Amino acid sequence: MSQEKKFNCTLISVGSTLLTNSNGTEYAVATIEFQNKNNQIVQRSARIYKANLDKGMKIGETYQATAVVYGDNQVDVTVAPFAMGGNRASIEDFDFVEVATPVQESVAS
């Protein structure tokens, strides 16, 4: 089982050099700022895939980051080109009704 955490971050800078991972995907190393579990504002490095950078990510904007633990307690952080947050819909927002599942009849040939 892997450990993962999604969180908001501010994009501080993006390196100008593109690197390539073992899958052949290009990425840049960036600096992000976020509030850690101790409520401290910290700056850390993260990866941003080139395909995400091409969508127009801007310095100073807030984006969603994902931290994943791998190997011997190493952490990999990636940043996505969309903001996290807002009010997600919940089951209390709707009056759901039961819908009968249609029965599939087999067709003999």
Protein backbone atom coordinates (compact mmCIF):
# COMPACT_ATOMS: atom_id res chain seq x y z
CA MET A 1 0.00 0.00 0.00
CA SER A 2 1.39 3.41 -0.91
CA GLN A 3 1.06 6.63 1.02
CA GLU A 4 -0.15 9.72 -0.79
CA LYS A 5 -1.22 13.25 0.15
CA LYS A 6 -2.79 15.91 -2.07
CA PHE A 7 -2.37 19.54 -1.02
CA ASN A 8 -2.42 23.10 -2.30
CA CYS A 9 0.85 24.80 -3.14
CA THR A 10 2.04 28.07 -4.62
CA LEU A 11 4.37 27.84 -7.60
CA ILE A 12 7.50 29.85 -6.75
CA SER A 13 9.81 29.02 -9.67
CA VAL A 14 10.34 26.55 -12.50
CA GLY A 15 13.74 25.45 -13.74
CA SER A 16 14.54 26.09 -17.38
CA THR A 17 16.13 22.67 -17.95
CA LEU A 18 13.89 19.78 -18.97
CA LEU A 19 14.85 16.38 -17.62
CA THR A 20 13.56 12.97 -18.73
CA ASN A 21 12.40 10.24 -16.36
CA SER A 22 12.85 6.49 -16.90
CA ASN A 23 9.53 6.36 -18.80
CA GLY A 24 10.74 8.97 -21.28
CA THR A 25 8.49 11.72 -19.90
CA GLU A 26 9.97 15.22 -19.77
CA TYR A 27 9.66 17.30 -16.61
CA ALA A 28 11.10 20.39 -14.95
CA VAL A 29 12.15 20.81 -11.34
CA ALA A 30 10.15 23.53 -9.61
CA THR A 31 10.10 25.21 -6.22
CA ILE A 32 6.74 25.22 -4.46
CA GLU A 33 5.56 26.76 -1.20
CA PHE A 34 3.02 25.14 1.10
CA GLN A 35 1.96 24.80 4.73
CA ASN A 36 3.41 21.61 6.21
CA LYS A 37 1.86 19.40 8.90
CA ASN A 38 3.38 21.65 11.60
CA ASN A 39 1.59 24.70 10.13
CA GLN A 40 4.90 26.13 8.90
CA ILE A 41 5.22 27.70 5.45
CA VAL A 42 8.03 25.85 3.66
CA GLN A 43 9.55 25.80 0.18
CA ARG A 44 10.42 22.46 -1.37
CA SER A 45 11.29 21.08 -4.79
CA ALA A 46 8.76 19.25 -6.96
CA ARG A 47 8.41 17.90 -10.48
CA ILE A 48 6.12 19.35 -13.12
CA TYR A 49 5.62 17.34 -16.27
CA LYS A 50 6.23 19.23 -19.51
CA ALA A 51 2.69 18.46 -20.70
CA ASN A 52 1.41 20.26 -17.60
CA LEU A 53 3.78 23.21 -18.07
CA ASP A 54 2.51 23.53 -21.64
CA LYS A 55 -0.96 24.26 -20.22
CA GLY A 56 0.26 27.64 -19.00
CA MET A 57 1.13 27.24 -15.32
CA LYS A 58 2.07 30.63 -13.82
CA ILE A 59 4.45 31.63 -11.05
CA GLY A 60 2.55 32.79 -7.95
CA GLU A 61 -0.58 30.76 -8.75
CA THR A 62 -1.98 28.01 -6.50
CA TYR A 63 -2.02 24.45 -7.81
CA GLN A 64 -2.60 20.92 -6.56
CA ALA A 65 0.46 18.93 -5.55
CA THR A 66 0.67 15.24 -4.76
CA ALA A 67 3.29 13.80 -2.43
CA VAL A 68 3.93 10.06 -2.67
CA VAL A 69 6.18 8.02 -0.38
CA TYR A 70 8.37 5.47 -2.15
CA GLY A 71 11.47 3.39 -1.51
CA ASP A 72 13.21 3.99 1.79
CA ASN A 73 10.97 6.84 3.01
CA GLN A 74 11.68 9.02 -0.01
CA VAL A 75 9.01 11.52 -1.08
CA ASP A 76 8.19 12.41 -4.67
CA VAL A 77 6.14 15.58 -5.19
CA THR A 78 4.44 16.41 -8.48
CA VAL A 79 2.37 19.48 -9.33
CA ALA A 80 -0.75 19.41 -11.52
CA PRO A 81 -2.05 22.34 -13.61
CA PHE A 82 -5.30 22.73 -11.74
CA ALA A 83 -6.31 24.25 -8.45
CA MET A 84 -7.45 22.08 -5.59
CA GLY A 85 -10.17 23.07 -3.23
CA GLY A 86 -13.59 24.46 -3.63
CA ASN A 87 -16.67 22.77 -2.35
CA ARG A 88 -16.95 19.24 -3.63
CA ALA A 89 -20.45 17.85 -4.06
CA SER A 90 -21.60 15.42 -1.41
CA ILE A 91 -24.49 12.98 -1.17
CA GLU A 92 -26.37 15.51 0.97
CA ASP A 93 -26.56 17.86 -2.03
CA PHE A 94 -28.91 15.59 -3.98
CA ASP A 95 -32.20 13.73 -3.72
CA PHE A 96 -31.11 10.48 -5.28
CA VAL A 97 -33.71 7.97 -6.46
CA GLU A 98 -33.40 4.22 -6.86
CA VAL A 99 -32.99 3.16 -10.45
CA ALA A 100 -33.69 -0.40 -11.51
CA THR A 101 -30.79 -2.13 -13.14
CA PRO A 102 -31.86 -3.41 -16.55
CA VAL A 103 -31.76 -7.16 -16.95
CA GLN A 104 -29.47 -8.33 -19.74
CA GLU A 105 -30.90 -11.23 -21.67
CA SER A 106 -28.51 -13.55 -23.43
CA VAL A 107 -29.03 -13.97 -27.14
CA ALA A 108 -28.78 -17.53 -28.44
CA SER A 109 -27.26 -17.90 -31.85
